[in-house]
Amino acid sequence: MYRPYQILRVFHFRMKSLSLLEFVPFSFCIVVTGHISALVHHLKLVLDGSVSYFFSNMDI
């Protein structure tokens, strides 16, 4: 397994070897996937909260 600082060193080496045009889409992909996973997590929390709120406020 890689230690975090080893991964950072590998990334740093890759960044130096990559041109800017190759690096930008790469970082963009990381940012987008991070945002999508955070968004999905947030939506799941919101849905769970609203469903439980809805059921707790229903008069059966």
PDB file of N, CA and C in Angstrom:
ATOM      1  N   MET A   1       0.845  -1.208   0.000  1.00  0.00           N
ATOM      2  CA  MET A   1       0.000   0.000   0.000  1.00  0.00           C
ATOM      3  C   MET A   1       0.874   1.250   0.000  1.00  0.00           C
ATOM      4  N   TYR A   2       0.390   2.260  -0.679  1.00  0.00           N
ATOM      5  CA  TYR A   2       1.091   3.538  -0.688  1.00  0.00           C
ATOM      6  C   TYR A   2       0.769   4.325   0.576  1.00  0.00           C
ATOM      7  N   ARG A   3       1.788   4.999   1.095  1.00  0.00           N
ATOM      8  CA  ARG A   3       1.531   5.964   2.155  1.00  0.00           C
ATOM      9  C   ARG A   3       1.107   7.271   1.482  1.00  0.00           C
ATOM     10  N   PRO A   4       0.348   8.126   2.179  1.00  0.00           N
ATOM     11  CA  PRO A   4      -0.149   9.368   1.550  1.00  0.00           C
ATOM     12  C   PRO A   4       0.964  10.234   0.973  1.00  0.00           C
ATOM     13  N   TYR A   5       2.081  10.361   1.702  1.00  0.00           N
ATOM     14  CA  TYR A   5       3.135  11.230   1.180  1.00  0.00           C
ATOM     15  C   TYR A   5       3.782  10.622  -0.061  1.00  0.00           C
ATOM     16  N   GLN A   6       3.789   9.302  -0.161  1.00  0.00           N
ATOM     17  CA  GLN A   6       4.323   8.669  -1.380  1.00  0.00           C
ATOM     18  C   GLN A   6       3.412   8.972  -2.561  1.00  0.00           C
ATOM     19  N   ILE A   7       2.097   8.931  -2.323  1.00  0.00           N
ATOM     20  CA  ILE A   7       1.146   9.252  -3.389  1.00  0.00           C
ATOM     21  C   ILE A   7       1.336  10.691  -3.830  1.00  0.00           C
ATOM     22  N   LEU A   8       1.513  11.588  -2.846  1.00  0.00           N
ATOM     23  CA  LEU A   8       1.730  12.997  -3.174  1.00  0.00           C
ATOM     24  C   LEU A   8       2.993  13.171  -3.995  1.00  0.00           C
ATOM     25  N   ARG A   9       4.043  12.428  -3.625  1.00  0.00           N
ATOM     26  CA  ARG A   9       5.287  12.532  -4.388  1.00  0.00           C
ATOM     27  C   ARG A   9       5.088  12.022  -5.807  1.00  0.00           C
ATOM     28  N   VAL A  10       4.350  10.932  -5.958  1.00  0.00           N
ATOM     29  CA  VAL A  10       4.068  10.394  -7.301  1.00  0.00           C
ATOM     30  C   VAL A  10       3.274  11.414  -8.111  1.00  0.00           C
ATOM     31  N   PHE A  11       2.240  12.017  -7.464  1.00  0.00           N
ATOM     32  CA  PHE A  11       1.438  13.023  -8.154  1.00  0.00           C
ATOM     33  C   PHE A  11       2.298  14.204  -8.560  1.00  0.00           C
ATOM     34  N   HIS A  12       3.196  14.618  -7.652  1.00  0.00           N
ATOM     35  CA  HIS A  12       4.059  15.758  -7.938  1.00  0.00           C
ATOM     36  C   HIS A  12       4.952  15.452  -9.138  1.00  0.00           C
ATOM     37  N   PHE A  13       5.489  14.240  -9.154  1.00  0.00           N
ATOM     38  CA  PHE A  13       6.340  13.836 -10.268  1.00  0.00           C
ATOM     39  C   PHE A  13       5.542  13.805 -11.570  1.00  0.00           C
ATOM     40  N   ARG A  14       4.330  13.266 -11.498  1.00  0.00           N
ATOM     41  CA  ARG A  14       3.475  13.199 -12.678  1.00  0.00           C
ATOM     42  C   ARG A  14       3.128  14.598 -13.176  1.00  0.00           C
ATOM     43  N   MET A  15       2.839  15.493 -12.233  1.00  0.00           N
ATOM     44  CA  MET A  15       2.472  16.852 -12.612  1.00  0.00           C
ATOM     45  C   MET A  15       3.615  17.539 -13.336  1.00  0.00           C
ATOM     46  N   LYS A  16       4.831  17.292 -12.855  1.00  0.00           N
ATOM     47  CA  LYS A  16       5.984  17.911 -13.507  1.00  0.00           C
ATOM     48  C   LYS A  16       6.165  17.349 -14.906  1.00  0.00           C
ATOM     49  N   SER A  17       5.865  16.053 -15.075  1.00  0.00           N
ATOM     50  CA  SER A  17       6.068  15.433 -16.386  1.00  0.00           C
ATOM     51  C   SER A  17       4.914  15.738 -17.339  1.00  0.00           C
ATOM     52  N   LEU A  18       3.727  15.995 -16.773  1.00  0.00           N
ATOM     53  CA  LEU A  18       2.576  16.305 -17.630  1.00  0.00           C
ATOM     54  C   LEU A  18       2.633  17.762 -18.081  1.00  0.00           C
ATOM     55  N   SER A  19       2.076  17.985 -19.244  1.00  0.00           N
ATOM     56  CA  SER A  19       1.905  19.373 -19.669  1.00  0.00           C
ATOM     57  C   SER A  19       0.640  19.928 -19.025  1.00  0.00           C
ATOM     58  N   LEU A  20       0.457  21.216 -19.097  1.00  0.00           N
ATOM     59  CA  LEU A  20      -0.703  21.854 -18.479  1.00  0.00           C
ATOM     60  C   LEU A  20      -1.999  21.359 -19.106  1.00  0.00           C
ATOM     61  N   LEU A  21      -1.977  21.141 -20.416  1.00  0.00           N
ATOM     62  CA  LEU A  21      -3.181  20.695 -21.120  1.00  0.00           C
ATOM     63  C   LEU A  21      -3.625  19.312 -20.660  1.00  0.00           C
ATOM     64  N   GLU A  22      -2.666  18.474 -20.264  1.00  0.00           N
ATOM     65  CA  GLU A  22      -3.025  17.151 -19.776  1.00  0.00           C
ATOM     66  C   GLU A  22      -3.415  17.211 -18.313  1.00  0.00           C
ATOM     67  N   PHE A  23      -2.842  18.163 -17.590  1.00  0.00           N
ATOM     68  CA  PHE A  23      -3.094  18.230 -16.153  1.00  0.00           C
ATOM     69  C   PHE A  23      -4.467  18.810 -15.852  1.00  0.00           C
ATOM     70  N   VAL A  24      -4.911  19.785 -16.636  1.00  0.00           N
ATOM     71  CA  VAL A  24      -6.181  20.461 -16.354  1.00  0.00           C
ATOM     72  C   VAL A  24      -7.377  19.492 -16.395  1.00  0.00           C
ATOM     73  N   PRO A  25      -7.538  18.672 -17.453  1.00  0.00           N
ATOM     74  CA  PRO A  25      -8.663  17.730 -17.443  1.00  0.00           C
ATOM     75  C   PRO A  25      -8.573  16.729 -16.293  1.00  0.00           C
ATOM     76  N   PHE A  26      -7.344  16.342 -15.943  1.00  0.00           N
ATOM     77  CA  PHE A  26      -7.123  15.384 -14.867  1.00  0.00           C
ATOM     78  C   PHE A  26      -7.636  15.950 -13.544  1.00  0.00           C
ATOM     79  N   SER A  27      -7.245  17.188 -13.227  1.00  0.00           N
ATOM     80  CA  SER A  27      -7.696  17.809 -11.984  1.00  0.00           C
ATOM     81  C   SER A  27      -9.190  18.097 -12.049  1.00  0.00           C
ATOM     82  N   PHE A  28      -9.671  18.452 -13.240  1.00  0.00           N
ATOM     83  CA  PHE A  28     -11.098  18.706 -13.424  1.00  0.00           C
ATOM     84  C   PHE A  28     -11.906  17.442 -13.128  1.00  0.00           C
ATOM     85  N   CYS A  29     -11.414  16.298 -13.598  1.00  0.00           N
ATOM     86  CA  CYS A  29     -12.093  15.030 -13.339  1.00  0.00           C
ATOM     87  C   CYS A  29     -12.136  14.737 -11.846  1.00  0.00           C
ATOM     88  N   ILE A  30     -11.016  14.987 -11.150  1.00  0.00           N
ATOM     89  CA  ILE A  30     -10.972  14.756  -9.704  1.00  0.00           C
ATOM     90  C   ILE A  30     -11.996  15.636  -9.004  1.00  0.00           C
ATOM     91  N   VAL A  31     -12.033  16.920  -9.374  1.00  0.00           N
ATOM     92  CA  VAL A  31     -12.958  17.867  -8.747  1.00  0.00           C
ATOM     93  C   VAL A  31     -14.407  17.464  -9.027  1.00  0.00           C
ATOM     94  N   VAL A  32     -14.686  17.111 -10.285  1.00  0.00           N
ATOM     95  CA  VAL A  32     -16.060  16.759 -10.663  1.00  0.00           C
ATOM     96  C   VAL A  32     -16.517  15.501  -9.935  1.00  0.00           C
ATOM     97  N   THR A  33     -15.674  14.472  -9.891  1.00  0.00           N
ATOM     98  CA  THR A  33     -16.082  13.245  -9.214  1.00  0.00           C
ATOM     99  C   THR A  33     -16.259  13.494  -7.722  1.00  0.00           C
ATOM    100  N   GLY A  34     -15.398  14.341  -7.145  1.00  0.00           N
ATOM    101  CA  GLY A  34     -15.553  14.683  -5.733  1.00  0.00           C
ATOM    102  C   GLY A  34     -16.865  15.392  -5.476  1.00  0.00           C
ATOM    103  N   HIS A  35     -17.198  16.350  -6.357  1.00  0.00           N
ATOM    104  CA  HIS A  35     -18.440  17.099  -6.203  1.00  0.00           C
ATOM    105  C   HIS A  35     -19.644  16.185  -6.387  1.00  0.00           C
ATOM    106  N   ILE A  36     -19.580  15.270  -7.359  1.00  0.00           N
ATOM    107  CA  ILE A  36     -20.706  14.372  -7.620  1.00  0.00           C
ATOM    108  C   ILE A  36     -20.943  13.457  -6.422  1.00  0.00           C
ATOM    109  N   SER A  37     -19.861  12.915  -5.857  1.00  0.00           N
ATOM    110  CA  SER A  37     -20.051  12.020  -4.709  1.00  0.00           C
ATOM    111  C   SER A  37     -20.583  12.796  -3.507  1.00  0.00           C
ATOM    112  N   ALA A  38     -20.102  14.033  -3.314  1.00  0.00           N
ATOM    113  CA  ALA A  38     -20.606  14.854  -2.217  1.00  0.00           C
ATOM    114  C   ALA A  38     -22.073  15.202  -2.443  1.00  0.00           C
ATOM    115  N   LEU A  39     -22.416  15.502  -3.695  1.00  0.00           N
ATOM    116  CA  LEU A  39     -23.789  15.858  -4.032  1.00  0.00           C
ATOM    117  C   LEU A  39     -24.728  14.677  -3.801  1.00  0.00           C
ATOM    118  N   VAL A  40     -24.295  13.485  -4.219  1.00  0.00           N
ATOM    119  CA  VAL A  40     -25.111  12.282  -4.026  1.00  0.00           C
ATOM    120  C   VAL A  40     -25.313  12.030  -2.537  1.00  0.00           C
ATOM    121  N   HIS A  41     -24.233  12.173  -1.765  1.00  0.00           N
ATOM    122  CA  HIS A  41     -24.319  11.979  -0.320  1.00  0.00           C
ATOM    123  C   HIS A  41     -25.301  12.983   0.291  1.00  0.00           C
ATOM    124  N   HIS A  42     -25.191  14.253  -0.136  1.00  0.00           N
ATOM    125  CA  HIS A  42     -26.060  15.316   0.371  1.00  0.00           C
ATOM    126  C   HIS A  42     -27.519  15.035   0.009  1.00  0.00           C
ATOM    127  N   LEU A  43     -27.763  14.633  -1.247  1.00  0.00           N
ATOM    128  CA  LEU A  43     -29.124  14.324  -1.679  1.00  0.00           C
ATOM    129  C   LEU A  43     -29.707  13.168  -0.877  1.00  0.00           C
ATOM    130  N   LYS A  44     -28.875  12.168  -0.604  1.00  0.00           N
ATOM    131  CA  LYS A  44     -29.336  11.023   0.166  1.00  0.00           C
ATOM    132  C   LYS A  44     -29.724  11.460   1.577  1.00  0.00           C
ATOM    133  N   LEU A  45     -28.904  12.312   2.184  1.00  0.00           N
ATOM    134  CA  LEU A  45     -29.226  12.823   3.518  1.00  0.00           C
ATOM    135  C   LEU A  45     -30.522  13.623   3.493  1.00  0.00           C
ATOM    136  N   VAL A  46     -30.663  14.484   2.482  1.00  0.00           N
ATOM    137  CA  VAL A  46     -31.865  15.313   2.379  1.00  0.00           C
ATOM    138  C   VAL A  46     -33.101  14.440   2.191  1.00  0.00           C
ATOM    139  N   LEU A  47     -32.993  13.437   1.316  1.00  0.00           N
ATOM    140  CA  LEU A  47     -34.130  12.541   1.060  1.00  0.00           C
ATOM    141  C   LEU A  47     -34.497  11.762   2.317  1.00  0.00           C
ATOM    142  N   ASP A  48     -33.476  11.230   3.003  1.00  0.00           N
ATOM    143  CA  ASP A  48     -33.749  10.485   4.230  1.00  0.00           C
ATOM    144  C   ASP A  48     -34.435  11.386   5.252  1.00  0.00           C
ATOM    145  N   GLY A  49     -33.937  12.611   5.395  1.00  0.00           N
ATOM    146  CA  GLY A  49     -34.492  13.546   6.364  1.00  0.00           C
ATOM    147  C   GLY A  49     -35.918  13.930   6.025  1.00  0.00           C
ATOM    148  N   SER A  50     -36.183  14.218   4.733  1.00  0.00           N
ATOM    149  CA  SER A  50     -37.519  14.660   4.351  1.00  0.00           C
ATOM    150  C   SER A  50     -38.518  13.514   4.461  1.00  0.00           C
ATOM    151  N   VAL A  51     -38.089  12.310   4.127  1.00  0.00           N
ATOM    152  CA  VAL A  51     -38.999  11.160   4.230  1.00  0.00           C
ATOM    153  C   VAL A  51     -39.355  10.895   5.686  1.00  0.00           C
ATOM    154  N   SER A  52     -38.356  10.913   6.564  1.00  0.00           N
ATOM    155  CA  SER A  52     -38.655  10.662   7.972  1.00  0.00           C
ATOM    156  C   SER A  52     -39.487  11.799   8.556  1.00  0.00           C
ATOM    157  N   TYR A  53     -39.217  13.040   8.113  1.00  0.00           N
ATOM    158  CA  TYR A  53     -39.990  14.191   8.574  1.00  0.00           C
ATOM    159  C   TYR A  53     -41.446  14.067   8.128  1.00  0.00           C
ATOM    160  N   PHE A  54     -41.618  13.655   6.858  1.00  0.00           N
ATOM    161  CA  PHE A  54     -42.959  13.495   6.290  1.00  0.00           C
ATOM    162  C   PHE A  54     -43.750  12.448   7.073  1.00  0.00           C
ATOM    163  N   PHE A  55     -43.096  11.314   7.353  1.00  0.00           N
ATOM    164  CA  PHE A  55     -43.804  10.244   8.047  1.00  0.00           C
ATOM    165  C   PHE A  55     -44.067  10.602   9.511  1.00  0.00           C
ATOM    166  N   SER A  56     -43.180  11.366  10.127  1.00  0.00           N
ATOM    167  CA  SER A  56     -43.397  11.716  11.521  1.00  0.00           C
ATOM    168  C   SER A  56     -44.501  12.761  11.662  1.00  0.00           C
ATOM    169  N   ASN A  57     -44.756  13.544  10.605  1.00  0.00           N
ATOM    170  CA  ASN A  57     -45.788  14.576  10.672  1.00  0.00           C
ATOM    171  C   ASN A  57     -47.128  14.126  10.110  1.00  0.00           C
ATOM    172  N   MET A  58     -47.190  12.898   9.606  1.00  0.00           N
ATOM    173  CA  MET A  58     -48.457  12.413   9.065  1.00  0.00           C
ATOM    174  C   MET A  58     -49.371  11.958  10.193  1.00  0.00           C
ATOM    175  N   ASP A  59     -50.626  12.281  10.066  1.00  0.00           N
ATOM    176  CA  ASP A  59     -51.616  11.813  11.042  1.00  0.00           C
ATOM    177  C   ASP A  59     -52.301  10.577  10.470  1.00  0.00           C
ATOM    178  N   ILE A  60     -51.957   9.438  11.034  1.00  0.00           N
ATOM    179  CA  ILE A  60     -52.516   8.185  10.508  1.00  0.00           C
ATOM    180  C   ILE A  60     -53.686   7.758  11.389  1.00  0.00           C
TER     181      ILE A  60
END
